C-alpha atoms as a PDB file:
ATOM      1  CA  MET A   1       6.276-113.978 144.184  1.00  0.00           C
ATOM      2  CA  ASP A   2       7.609-110.807 142.515  1.00  0.00           C
ATOM      3  CA  GLY A   3       6.752-108.482 145.407  1.00  0.00           C
ATOM      4  CA  LYS A   4       3.521-107.058 143.792  1.00  0.00           C
ATOM      5  CA  THR A   5       0.146-107.177 145.436  1.00  0.00           C
ATOM      6  CA  SER A   6      -3.152-107.387 143.560  1.00  0.00           C
ATOM      7  CA  SER A   7      -3.603-103.572 143.935  1.00  0.00           C
ATOM      8  CA  SER A   8      -0.186-102.632 142.502  1.00  0.00           C
ATOM      9  CA  LYS A   9      -0.105-100.610 139.291  1.00  0.00           C
ATOM     10  CA  PRO A  10       1.977-101.573 136.248  1.00  0.00           C
ATOM     11  CA  TRP A  11       5.191 -99.647 135.711  1.00  0.00           C
ATOM     12  CA  TRP A  12       3.843 -97.693 132.728  1.00  0.00           C
ATOM     13  CA  TRP A  13       0.897 -96.396 134.792  1.00  0.00           C
ATOM     14  CA  VAL A  14       3.250 -95.114 137.495  1.00  0.00           C
ATOM     15  CA  VAL A  15       5.511 -93.430 134.941  1.00  0.00           C
ATOM     16  CA  GLY A  16       2.523 -91.774 133.273  1.00  0.00           C
ATOM     17  CA  ALA A  17       1.215 -90.449 136.578  1.00  0.00           C
ATOM     18  CA  VAL A  18       4.625 -88.999 137.449  1.00  0.00           C
ATOM     19  CA  VAL A  19       4.848 -87.268 134.063  1.00  0.00           C
ATOM     20  CA  LEU A  20       1.341 -85.795 134.445  1.00  0.00           C
ATOM     21  CA  ILE A  21       2.064 -84.489 137.942  1.00  0.00           C
ATOM     22  CA  GLY A  22       5.318 -82.999 136.698  1.00  0.00           C
ATOM     23  CA  ALA A  23       3.573 -81.256 133.807  1.00  0.00           C
ATOM     24  CA  VAL A  24       0.957 -79.719 136.092  1.00  0.00           C
ATOM     25  CA  ALA A  25       3.646 -78.568 138.530  1.00  0.00           C
ATOM     26  CA  LEU A  26       5.642 -77.016 135.669  1.00  0.00           C
ATOM     27  CA  ALA A  27       2.553 -75.210 134.376  1.00  0.00           C
ATOM     28  CA  VAL A  28       1.886 -73.778 137.824  1.00  0.00           C
ATOM     29  CA  ARG A  29       5.515 -72.646 138.201  1.00  0.00           C
ATOM     30  CA  MET A  30       5.356 -70.959 134.805  1.00  0.00           C
ATOM     31  CA  GLY A  31       2.129 -69.159 135.670  1.00  0.00           C
ATOM     32  CA  ARG A  32      -0.095 -71.323 133.486  1.00  0.00           C
ATOM     33  CA  ARG A  33      -3.090 -73.347 134.596  1.00  0.00           C
ATOM     34  CA  PRO A  34      -4.166 -76.690 133.150  1.00  0.00           C
ATOM     35  CA  ALA A  35      -6.717 -76.353 130.349  1.00  0.00           C
ATOM     36  CA  LEU A  36     -10.349 -76.295 131.451  1.00  0.00           C
ATOM     37  CA  LYS A  37     -13.027 -78.527 130.044  1.00  0.00           C
ATOM     38  CA  PRO A  38     -15.654 -76.613 128.048  1.00  0.00           C
ATOM     39  CA  ALA A  39     -18.751 -75.666 130.027  1.00  0.00           C
ATOM     40  CA  PRO A  40     -21.733 -77.906 129.292  1.00  0.00           C
ATOM     41  CA  MET A  41     -24.378 -76.812 126.806  1.00  0.00           C
ATOM     42  CA  ILE A  42     -27.738 -75.754 128.227  1.00  0.00           C
ATOM     43  CA  ASP A  43     -31.211 -75.172 126.848  1.00  0.00           C
ATOM     44  CA  GLU A  44     -32.124 -71.634 125.842  1.00  0.00           C
ATOM     45  CA  PRO A  45     -33.307 -69.977 129.080  1.00  0.00           C
ATOM     46  CA  THR A  46     -36.807 -68.678 129.592  1.00  0.00           C
ATOM     47  CA  ILE A  47     -36.577 -65.605 131.823  1.00  0.00           C
ATOM     48  CA  SER A  48     -38.955 -63.397 133.780  1.00  0.00           C
ATOM     49  CA  ILE A  49     -39.165 -59.678 133.037  1.00  0.00           C
ATOM     50  CA  ASN A  50     -40.659 -56.697 134.869  1.00  0.00           C
ATOM     51  CA  TYR A  51     -42.085 -53.829 132.800  1.00  0.00           C
ATOM     52  CA  ASP A  52     -41.257 -50.738 134.811  1.00  0.00           C
ATOM     53  CA  ALA A  53     -44.002 -48.436 133.499  1.00  0.00           C
ATOM     54  CA  THR A  54     -46.830 -50.809 134.375  1.00  0.00           C
ATOM     55  CA  GLY A  55     -45.321 -53.112 136.973  1.00  0.00           C
ATOM     56  CA  LYS A  56     -46.521 -56.081 134.945  1.00  0.00           C
ATOM     57  CA  LYS A  57     -44.423 -59.229 134.790  1.00  0.00           C
ATOM     58  CA  ALA A  58     -44.090 -61.821 132.044  1.00  0.00           C
ATOM     59  CA  THR A  59     -41.882 -64.661 130.850  1.00  0.00           C
ATOM     60  CA  ILE A  60     -39.900 -64.462 127.638  1.00  0.00           C
ATOM     61  CA  LYS A  61     -37.349 -66.563 125.777  1.00  0.00           C
ATOM     62  CA  MET A  62     -33.803 -65.254 126.126  1.00  0.00           C
ATOM     63  CA  GLU A  63     -33.229 -64.684 122.414  1.00  0.00           C
ATOM     64  CA  ASP A  64     -36.473 -62.728 122.053  1.00  0.00           C
ATOM     65  CA  TYR A  65     -35.464 -60.568 125.012  1.00  0.00           C
ATOM     66  CA  LEU A  66     -32.019 -60.007 123.480  1.00  0.00           C
ATOM     67  CA  ALA A  67     -33.509 -58.616 120.274  1.00  0.00           C
ATOM     68  CA  GLY A  68     -35.277 -55.910 122.292  1.00  0.00           C
ATOM     69  CA  VAL A  69     -32.056 -55.109 124.162  1.00  0.00           C
ATOM     70  CA  VAL A  70     -29.898 -54.807 121.039  1.00  0.00           C
ATOM     71  CA  ALA A  71     -32.517 -52.591 119.372  1.00  0.00           C
ATOM     72  CA  ALA A  72     -32.638 -50.302 122.419  1.00  0.00           C
ATOM     73  CA  GLU A  73     -28.890 -50.183 123.114  1.00  0.00           C
ATOM     74  CA  MET A  74     -27.467 -49.674 119.606  1.00  0.00           C
ATOM     75  CA  PRO A  75     -28.763 -47.891 116.483  1.00  0.00           C
ATOM     76  CA  THR A  76     -30.414 -50.550 114.359  1.00  0.00           C
ATOM     77  CA  ASP A  77     -28.888 -49.304 111.091  1.00  0.00           C
ATOM     78  CA  TRP A  78     -25.308 -49.884 112.254  1.00  0.00           C
ATOM     79  CA  PRO A  79     -23.048 -52.482 110.565  1.00  0.00           C
ATOM     80  CA  ALA A  80     -24.085 -56.108 111.036  1.00  0.00           C
ATOM     81  CA  GLU A  81     -20.902 -57.115 112.874  1.00  0.00           C
ATOM     82  CA  ALA A  82     -21.348 -54.291 115.400  1.00  0.00           C
ATOM     83  CA  LEU A  83     -24.923 -55.437 116.043  1.00  0.00           C
ATOM     84  CA  LYS A  84     -23.675 -59.015 116.431  1.00  0.00           C
ATOM     85  CA  ALA A  85     -21.010 -57.882 118.911  1.00  0.00           C
ATOM     86  CA  GLN A  86     -23.675 -56.020 120.870  1.00  0.00           C
ATOM     87  CA  ALA A  87     -25.838 -59.155 120.911  1.00  0.00           C
ATOM     88  CA  ILE A  88     -22.990 -61.306 122.257  1.00  0.00           C
ATOM     89  CA  VAL A  89     -22.091 -58.758 124.923  1.00  0.00           C
ATOM     90  CA  ALA A  90     -25.677 -58.078 125.988  1.00  0.00           C
ATOM     91  CA  ARG A  91     -26.423 -61.817 126.169  1.00  0.00           C
ATOM     92  CA  THR A  92     -23.384 -62.274 128.400  1.00  0.00           C
ATOM     93  CA  TYR A  93     -24.305 -59.304 130.572  1.00  0.00           C
ATOM     94  CA  THR A  94     -27.779 -60.764 131.032  1.00  0.00           C
ATOM     95  CA  MET A  95     -26.615 -64.266 131.937  1.00  0.00           C
ATOM     96  CA  LYS A  96     -24.026 -62.960 134.397  1.00  0.00           C
ATOM     97  CA  LYS A  97     -26.504 -60.620 136.069  1.00  0.00           C
ATOM     98  CA  ILE A  98     -29.110 -63.370 136.365  1.00  0.00           C
ATOM     99  CA  ALA A  99     -26.496 -65.647 137.936  1.00  0.00           C
ATOM    100  CA  GLN A 100     -25.818 -62.874 140.458  1.00  0.00           C
ATOM    101  CA  GLY A 101     -29.503 -62.489 141.283  1.00  0.00           C
ATOM    102  CA  GLY A 102     -30.735 -60.218 138.502  1.00  0.00           C
ATOM    103  CA  VAL A 103     -33.247 -57.733 139.849  1.00  0.00           C
ATOM    104  CA  LYS A 104     -34.926 -60.252 142.146  1.00  0.00           C
ATOM    105  CA  LYS A 105     -34.664 -57.946 145.157  1.00  0.00           C
ATOM    106  CA  LEU A 106     -36.229 -55.053 143.256  1.00  0.00           C
ATOM    107  CA  HIS A 107     -38.905 -56.736 141.170  1.00  0.00           C
ATOM    108  CA  GLY A 108     -38.839 -60.453 141.862  1.00  0.00           C
ATOM    109  CA  THR A 109     -37.799 -61.106 138.251  1.00  0.00           C
ATOM    110  CA  ASP A 110     -34.654 -62.003 136.325  1.00  0.00           C
ATOM    111  CA  VAL A 111     -34.561 -58.768 134.281  1.00  0.00           C
ATOM    112  CA  CYS A 112     -36.431 -55.512 133.827  1.00  0.00           C
ATOM    113  CA  ASP A 113     -36.744 -52.877 131.120  1.00  0.00           C
ATOM    114  CA  ASN A 114     -35.397 -49.992 133.220  1.00  0.00           C
ATOM    115  CA  PRO A 115     -31.831 -49.221 132.042  1.00  0.00           C
ATOM    116  CA  GLU A 116     -30.972 -47.783 135.448  1.00  0.00           C
ATOM    117  CA  HIS A 117     -31.556 -51.215 136.947  1.00  0.00           C
ATOM    118  CA  PHE A 118     -30.542 -53.551 134.120  1.00  0.00           C
ATOM    119  CA  GLN A 119     -30.359 -52.861 130.367  1.00  0.00           C
ATOM    120  CA  ALA A 120     -32.449 -50.825 127.979  1.00  0.00           C
ATOM    121  CA  TYR A 121     -35.159 -52.886 126.290  1.00  0.00           C
ATOM    122  CA  ASP A 122     -37.508 -51.788 123.515  1.00  0.00           C
ATOM    123  CA  PRO A 123     -39.080 -54.498 121.311  1.00  0.00           C
ATOM    124  CA  THR A 124     -40.809 -51.846 119.183  1.00  0.00           C
ATOM    125  CA  LYS A 125     -37.432 -50.925 117.655  1.00  0.00           C
ATOM    126  CA  VAL A 126     -36.553 -54.451 116.547  1.00  0.00           C
ATOM    127  CA  ASN A 127     -36.021 -54.727 112.775  1.00  0.00           C
ATOM    128  CA  ASP A 128     -34.694 -57.376 110.405  1.00  0.00           C
ATOM    129  CA  ALA A 129     -31.068 -56.315 110.947  1.00  0.00           C
ATOM    130  CA  VAL A 130     -31.397 -56.847 114.692  1.00  0.00           C
ATOM    131  CA  ARG A 131     -33.196 -60.180 114.262  1.00  0.00           C
ATOM    132  CA  GLN A 132     -30.434 -61.384 111.943  1.00  0.00           C
ATOM    133  CA  ALA A 133     -27.679 -60.260 114.347  1.00  0.00           C
ATOM    134  CA  VAL A 134     -29.304 -62.066 117.276  1.00  0.00           C
ATOM    135  CA  ALA A 135     -29.992 -65.201 115.224  1.00  0.00           C
ATOM    136  CA  ALA A 136     -26.426 -65.283 113.846  1.00  0.00           C
ATOM    137  CA  THR A 137     -24.977 -65.223 117.380  1.00  0.00           C
ATOM    138  CA  ARG A 138     -27.611 -67.412 119.021  1.00  0.00           C
ATOM    139  CA  GLY A 139     -26.362 -68.783 122.344  1.00  0.00           C
ATOM    140  CA  GLN A 140     -22.949 -67.110 122.048  1.00  0.00           C
ATOM    141  CA  VAL A 141     -21.491 -65.550 125.212  1.00  0.00           C
ATOM    142  CA  VAL A 142     -18.174 -64.153 126.389  1.00  0.00           C
ATOM    143  CA  THR A 143     -16.354 -66.262 128.964  1.00  0.00           C
ATOM    144  CA  TYR A 144     -13.150 -66.082 130.963  1.00  0.00           C
ATOM    145  CA  ARG A 145     -11.993 -69.488 132.211  1.00  0.00           C
ATOM    146  CA  ASN A 146     -15.477 -70.879 131.521  1.00  0.00           C
ATOM    147  CA  ASP A 147     -17.289 -68.206 133.547  1.00  0.00           C
ATOM    148  CA  TYR A 148     -19.505 -65.462 132.152  1.00  0.00           C
ATOM    149  CA  ILE A 149     -17.654 -62.165 132.296  1.00  0.00           C
ATOM    150  CA  LEU A 150     -18.968 -58.874 133.615  1.00  0.00           C
ATOM    151  CA  ALA A 151     -19.690 -57.574 130.132  1.00  0.00           C
ATOM    152  CA  TRP A 152     -20.055 -53.855 130.704  1.00  0.00           C
ATOM    153  CA  PHE A 153     -20.341 -51.626 127.640  1.00  0.00           C
ATOM    154  CA  HIS A 154     -20.672 -47.908 126.929  1.00  0.00           C
ATOM    155  CA  ALA A 155     -21.120 -45.469 124.053  1.00  0.00           C
ATOM    156  CA  ASN A 156     -17.682 -43.939 123.415  1.00  0.00           C
ATOM    157  CA  SER A 157     -14.350 -44.483 125.194  1.00  0.00           C
ATOM    158  CA  GLY A 158     -12.857 -41.075 124.492  1.00  0.00           C
ATOM    159  CA  GLY A 159      -9.865 -42.846 122.961  1.00  0.00           C
ATOM    160  CA  ARG A 160      -9.086 -45.342 125.728  1.00  0.00           C
ATOM    161  CA  THR A 161     -11.240 -47.614 127.813  1.00  0.00           C
ATOM    162  CA  ALA A 162     -11.208 -47.689 131.612  1.00  0.00           C
ATOM    163  CA  THR A 163     -10.591 -50.266 134.283  1.00  0.00           C
ATOM    164  CA  ALA A 164     -13.663 -51.276 136.274  1.00  0.00           C
ATOM    165  CA  GLN A 165     -12.235 -49.665 139.385  1.00  0.00           C
ATOM    166  CA  GLU A 166     -11.786 -46.204 137.864  1.00  0.00           C
ATOM    167  CA  GLY A 167     -14.836 -46.198 135.621  1.00  0.00           C
ATOM    168  CA  LEU A 168     -17.380 -47.762 137.953  1.00  0.00           C
ATOM    169  CA  GLU A 169     -15.766 -47.756 141.408  1.00  0.00           C
ATOM    170  CA  TRP A 170     -15.961 -51.527 141.120  1.00  0.00           C
ATOM    171  CA  ARG A 171     -14.949 -53.415 144.260  1.00  0.00           C
ATOM    172  CA  GLY A 172     -16.426 -56.827 143.465  1.00  0.00           C
ATOM    173  CA  GLU A 173     -14.900 -59.894 141.858  1.00  0.00           C
ATOM    174  CA  ALA A 174     -11.642 -59.585 139.941  1.00  0.00           C
ATOM    175  CA  THR A 175     -11.958 -58.551 136.289  1.00  0.00           C
ATOM    176  CA  PRO A 176      -8.550 -59.342 134.703  1.00  0.00           C
ATOM    177  CA  TYR A 177     -10.130 -59.195 131.240  1.00  0.00           C
ATOM    178  CA  ILE A 178     -11.006 -55.499 131.703  1.00  0.00           C
ATOM    179  CA  THR A 179      -7.907 -53.469 130.852  1.00  0.00           C
ATOM    180  CA  VAL A 180      -7.123 -50.074 129.347  1.00  0.00           C
ATOM    181  CA  VAL A 181      -7.446 -50.411 125.565  1.00  0.00           C
ATOM    182  CA  ARG A 182      -6.432 -47.833 122.970  1.00  0.00           C
ATOM    183  CA  ASP A 183      -9.629 -47.521 120.986  1.00  0.00           C
ATOM    184  CA  VAL A 184     -10.470 -47.154 117.305  1.00  0.00           C
ATOM    185  CA  ALA A 185     -12.019 -43.866 116.211  1.00  0.00           C
ATOM    186  CA  GLY A 186     -14.960 -43.754 113.838  1.00  0.00           C
ATOM    187  CA  PRO A 187     -16.442 -40.787 111.959  1.00  0.00           C
ATOM    188  CA  GLU A 188     -17.764 -39.419 115.264  1.00  0.00           C
ATOM    189  CA  GLY A 189     -14.235 -39.325 116.696  1.00  0.00           C
ATOM    190  CA  PHE A 190     -14.046 -39.509 120.467  1.00  0.00           C
ATOM    191  CA  ARG A 191     -16.931 -37.132 121.098  1.00  0.00           C
ATOM    192  CA  PRO A 192     -15.380 -34.129 122.877  1.00  0.00           C
ATOM    193  CA  TRP A 193     -17.944 -32.333 125.048  1.00  0.00           C
ATOM    194  CA  THR A 194     -18.412 -29.482 127.500  1.00  0.00           C
ATOM    195  CA  ALA A 195     -20.942 -29.111 130.308  1.00  0.00           C
ATOM    196  CA  THR A 196     -21.616 -26.108 132.523  1.00  0.00           C
ATOM    197  CA  PHE A 197     -23.152 -26.188 136.009  1.00  0.00           C
ATOM    198  CA  THR A 198     -23.760 -23.598 138.687  1.00  0.00           C
ATOM    199  CA  LYS A 199     -21.556 -23.800 141.761  1.00  0.00           C
ATOM    200  CA  ALA A 200     -24.727 -24.347 143.772  1.00  0.00           C
ATOM    201  CA  ALA A 201     -25.565 -27.416 141.676  1.00  0.00           C
ATOM    202  CA  ILE A 202     -22.048 -28.755 142.185  1.00  0.00           C
ATOM    203  CA  ALA A 203     -22.248 -28.173 145.946  1.00  0.00           C
ATOM    204  CA  SER A 204     -25.632 -29.897 146.124  1.00  0.00           C
ATOM    205  CA  ALA A 205     -24.291 -32.926 144.242  1.00  0.00           C
ATOM    206  CA  VAL A 206     -21.243 -33.140 146.499  1.00  0.00           C
ATOM    207  CA  ILE A 207     -23.420 -33.054 149.610  1.00  0.00           C
ATOM    208  CA  ARG A 208     -25.646 -35.835 148.248  1.00  0.00           C
ATOM    209  CA  VAL A 209     -22.642 -38.005 147.460  1.00  0.00           C
ATOM    210  CA  THR A 210     -20.392 -37.336 150.462  1.00  0.00           C
ATOM    211  CA  GLY A 211     -22.572 -35.723 153.112  1.00  0.00           C
ATOM    212  CA  LYS A 212     -20.046 -32.895 153.270  1.00  0.00           C
ATOM    213  CA  ASP A 213     -20.592 -29.283 152.275  1.00  0.00           C
ATOM    214  CA  PRO A 214     -17.694 -28.091 150.098  1.00  0.00           C
ATOM    215  CA  VAL A 215     -18.581 -24.536 151.178  1.00  0.00           C
ATOM    216  CA  ASP A 216     -17.340 -21.921 148.704  1.00  0.00           C
ATOM    217  CA  PHE A 217     -14.687 -23.175 146.294  1.00  0.00           C
ATOM    218  CA  LYS A 218     -12.477 -21.381 143.820  1.00  0.00           C
ATOM    219  CA  ASP A 219     -11.322 -24.372 141.834  1.00  0.00           C
ATOM    220  CA  ILE A 220     -11.849 -28.095 141.285  1.00  0.00           C
ATOM    221  CA  ARG A 221      -8.809 -30.336 141.100  1.00  0.00           C
ATOM    222  CA  VAL A 222      -8.431 -33.943 140.016  1.00  0.00           C
ATOM    223  CA  THR A 223      -6.360 -35.437 142.824  1.00  0.00           C
ATOM    224  CA  ASP A 224      -6.304 -39.053 141.676  1.00  0.00           C
ATOM    225  CA  LYS A 225      -6.460 -40.492 138.167  1.00  0.00           C
ATOM    226  CA  GLY A 226      -6.887 -44.058 136.973  1.00  0.00           C
ATOM    227  CA  PRO A 227      -4.750 -45.869 134.382  1.00  0.00           C
ATOM    228  CA  SER A 228      -6.790 -44.434 131.500  1.00  0.00           C
ATOM    229  CA  GLY A 229      -6.565 -40.891 132.857  1.00  0.00           C
ATOM    230  CA  ARG A 230     -10.109 -40.751 134.209  1.00  0.00           C
ATOM    231  CA  ALA A 231     -10.780 -38.864 137.411  1.00  0.00           C
ATOM    232  CA  ILE A 232     -11.053 -41.166 140.403  1.00  0.00           C
ATOM    233  CA  THR A 233     -11.144 -38.411 143.032  1.00  0.00           C
ATOM    234  CA  LEU A 234     -11.729 -34.655 142.837  1.00  0.00           C
ATOM    235  CA  ALA A 235     -11.069 -32.016 145.464  1.00  0.00           C
ATOM    236  CA  ILE A 236     -13.931 -29.522 145.629  1.00  0.00           C
ATOM    237  CA  GLY A 237     -13.500 -26.974 148.388  1.00  0.00           C
ATOM    238  CA  LYS A 238     -13.405 -28.861 151.708  1.00  0.00           C
ATOM    239  CA  ALA A 239     -14.731 -32.077 150.205  1.00  0.00           C
ATOM    240  CA  ALA A 240     -13.227 -34.988 148.279  1.00  0.00           C
ATOM    241  CA  VAL A 241     -15.625 -36.747 145.921  1.00  0.00           C
ATOM    242  CA  SER A 242     -15.305 -39.704 143.559  1.00  0.00           C
ATOM    243  CA  GLY A 243     -15.461 -38.942 139.845  1.00  0.00           C
ATOM    244  CA  PRO A 244     -17.987 -41.679 138.944  1.00  0.00           C
ATOM    245  CA  SER A 245     -20.300 -40.706 141.818  1.00  0.00           C
ATOM    246  CA  LEU A 246     -20.173 -37.018 140.934  1.00  0.00           C
ATOM    247  CA  ARG A 247     -20.994 -37.857 137.323  1.00  0.00           C
ATOM    248  CA  ILE A 248     -24.122 -39.760 138.340  1.00  0.00           C
ATOM    249  CA  ALA A 249     -25.167 -37.051 140.785  1.00  0.00           C
ATOM    250  CA  LEU A 250     -24.844 -34.305 138.153  1.00  0.00           C
ATOM    251  CA  GLY A 251     -26.474 -36.397 135.411  1.00  0.00           C
ATOM    252  CA  SER A 252     -24.577 -38.869 133.246  1.00  0.00           C
ATOM    253  CA  GLU A 253     -26.182 -37.534 130.073  1.00  0.00           C
ATOM    254  CA  LYS A 254     -24.729 -34.074 130.739  1.00  0.00           C
ATOM    255  CA  LEU A 255     -21.436 -34.888 132.488  1.00  0.00           C
ATOM    256  CA  ARG A 256     -20.703 -37.414 129.801  1.00  0.00           C
ATOM    257  CA  SER A 257     -17.563 -39.022 131.178  1.00  0.00           C
ATOM    258  CA  THR A 258     -14.864 -38.643 133.809  1.00  0.00           C
ATOM    259  CA  LEU A 259     -12.129 -38.361 131.175  1.00  0.00           C
ATOM    260  CA  PHE A 260     -11.763 -34.652 131.774  1.00  0.00           C
ATOM    261  CA  THR A 261      -9.512 -32.424 129.695  1.00  0.00           C
ATOM    262  CA  GLN A 262     -10.245 -29.189 131.599  1.00  0.00           C
ATOM    263  CA  ILE A 263     -12.275 -27.951 134.582  1.00  0.00           C
ATOM    264  CA  THR A 264     -12.846 -24.202 134.878  1.00  0.00           C
ATOM    265  CA  VAL A 265     -14.446 -22.308 137.762  1.00  0.00           C
ATOM    266  CA  SER A 266     -15.527 -18.824 136.744  1.00  0.00           C
ATOM    267  CA  GLY A 267     -17.782 -16.688 138.923  1.00  0.00           C
ATOM    268  CA  ASP A 268     -20.771 -18.795 139.899  1.00  0.00           C
ATOM    269  CA  THR A 269     -20.329 -21.417 137.180  1.00  0.00           C
ATOM    270  CA  VAL A 270     -18.202 -24.489 136.589  1.00  0.00           C
ATOM    271  CA  THR A 271     -17.431 -25.817 133.114  1.00  0.00           C
ATOM    272  CA  PHE A 272     -16.126 -29.308 132.518  1.00  0.00           C
ATOM    273  CA  ALA A 273     -14.583 -30.392 129.215  1.00  0.00           C
ATOM    274  CA  GLY A 274     -13.817 -33.979 128.343  1.00  0.00           C
ATOM    275  CA  ASP A 275     -13.879 -36.819 125.856  1.00  0.00           C
ATOM    276  CA  GLY A 276     -16.083 -39.867 125.452  1.00  0.00           C
ATOM    277  CA  PHE A 277     -19.555 -40.819 126.580  1.00  0.00           C
ATOM    278  CA  GLY A 278     -20.189 -43.290 129.371  1.00  0.00           C
ATOM    279  CA  HIS A 279     -18.240 -44.983 132.150  1.00  0.00           C
ATOM    280  CA  GLY A 280     -15.618 -46.230 129.705  1.00  0.00           C
ATOM    281  CA  VAL A 281     -15.552 -49.852 130.896  1.00  0.00           C
ATOM    282  CA  GLY A 282     -15.656 -52.743 128.423  1.00  0.00           C
ATOM    283  CA  MET A 283     -16.871 -52.483 124.841  1.00  0.00           C
ATOM    284  CA  ALA A 284     -17.201 -49.030 123.324  1.00  0.00           C
ATOM    285  CA  GLN A 285     -20.121 -49.080 120.916  1.00  0.00           C
ATOM    286  CA  ASP A 286     -18.683 -46.381 118.650  1.00  0.00           C
ATOM    287  CA  GLY A 287     -15.426 -48.349 118.537  1.00  0.00           C
ATOM    288  CA  ALA A 288     -17.328 -51.531 117.677  1.00  0.00           C
ATOM    289  CA  LYS A 289     -19.002 -49.692 114.822  1.00  0.00           C
ATOM    290  CA  ALA A 290     -15.638 -48.386 113.565  1.00  0.00           C
ATOM    291  CA  GLN A 291     -14.049 -51.846 113.680  1.00  0.00           C
ATOM    292  CA  ALA A 292     -17.024 -53.397 111.897  1.00  0.00           C
ATOM    293  CA  ALA A 293     -16.616 -50.797 109.162  1.00  0.00           C
ATOM    294  CA  GLN A 294     -12.977 -51.906 108.857  1.00  0.00           C
ATOM    295  CA  GLY A 295     -14.086 -55.495 108.255  1.00  0.00           C
ATOM    296  CA  LYS A 296     -13.618 -56.946 111.736  1.00  0.00           C
ATOM    297  CA  LYS A 297     -15.914 -59.782 112.780  1.00  0.00           C
ATOM    298  CA  ALA A 298     -18.030 -59.668 115.918  1.00  0.00           C
ATOM    299  CA  ALA A 299     -15.871 -62.142 117.865  1.00  0.00           C
ATOM    300  CA  GLU A 300     -12.742 -60.116 117.031  1.00  0.00           C
ATOM    301  CA  ILE A 301     -14.407 -56.938 118.238  1.00  0.00           C
ATOM    302  CA  VAL A 302     -15.462 -58.585 121.480  1.00  0.00           C
ATOM    303  CA  ARG A 303     -12.005 -60.001 122.204  1.00  0.00           C
ATOM    304  CA  PHE A 304     -10.453 -56.607 121.467  1.00  0.00           C
ATOM    305  CA  TYR A 305     -12.284 -55.085 124.425  1.00  0.00           C
ATOM    306  CA  TYR A 306     -12.263 -58.075 126.809  1.00  0.00           C
ATOM    307  CA  LYS A 307      -8.720 -59.427 126.887  1.00  0.00           C
ATOM    308  CA  GLY A 308      -8.033 -63.131 127.248  1.00  0.00           C
ATOM    309  CA  THR A 309     -11.682 -64.081 126.762  1.00  0.00           C
ATOM    310  CA  GLN A 310     -13.408 -66.521 124.455  1.00  0.00           C
ATOM    311  CA  VAL A 311     -16.693 -66.339 122.591  1.00  0.00           C
ATOM    312  CA  THR A 312     -18.333 -69.667 123.384  1.00  0.00           C
ATOM    313  CA  GLN A 313     -21.604 -71.389 122.551  1.00  0.00           C
ATOM    314  CA  ARG A 314     -23.891 -72.111 125.523  1.00  0.00           C
ATOM    315  CA  TRP A 315     -27.043 -73.165 123.651  1.00  0.00           C
ATOM    316  CA  ARG A 316     -28.047 -73.751 120.047  1.00  0.00           C
END
C-alpha cells in the first residue's frame, strides 16, 4: 500500500487547486475580483404598458416600446450614434426598473407613458432613423458586473455630470459607475439659463418640501455642494432645503438644474442663474450628440458616462 485511499486526489490535482486558491486570494488582496461568467441570453421580453391619458393597458414587445421611448426622449434628426446610445441607455433603464417592480404599484404594469413615473413614450414620433438605431442595438444593455445599471440620463450636464447622491438625492443601491465626468460641449454649449421667482413662490415651495416657513429672507445661500458643484442644500431664511427637491417644487423646466452660478434676492423677487438642463446624472444627451458628431460610436459614448461598465447583448 502507498498510503492513498480510493478518494485521494492525484498530486497534480492538489497542486492545481492550491494555485487556484492562491490566485483568488491574490486578486482579493489586490482589490480585484475573479472574472464573472457572462449573464445568460434571454428571449426578447413582452411587457405591459399603461397609457396615462386613457388608463388603458396593453402588451408590447420591448423593442417596439423602445422605439417610442427613443423618439420621445431625443430629437429624431440627431446623429445615428447618439440615437443608438439613447436606445441602449433607455433599454437598460427599462429592464432595471422592471426588475425593481416597474410601476406595478401605480398601474399594475411594467411601464407607463408618463415621464414623471417612468420614461417619455410617443410612438407617433418614430421615424426610420429611430427604427434603425433601435434595430442596430437590439438587445444591447449596459451592465456593471453582470447587473443592469441604473441608467439615468438628462439633457445637458452644464459641463460636468453629477453623482446620484447630489443630483437625485439617491440613497439606494451603490452606483460606482456614476461619477463626475467632464463633458463634451456641442453647438448648444452648456445651456446657461436664468429663472426668476417671487419670494412668495419660493416660500411656498420651501414649505411644501420641508414643512417649515422660511419667513422673510434677504438672501439664499448654498450651504453644501456636491462633487460636481451642484447645490445639495440651500439656506433660505429659517429653513434648510435640498437643491433637487427645491428644483422639483419650483418646476424642473424653469429651474433647469442645481448647478447654480448665482442667486440674487432683490425686493420681492429671486433670480437664479445656472448651467445645464436636468438632474445631471448619467448620460447627457447634448454631450452624446456632440461625441457622435466627433465620430464616437454608441458604445464609446455610453462607457464615457457610465464608468467601468460594459455594453452587453441580452437577446438577439
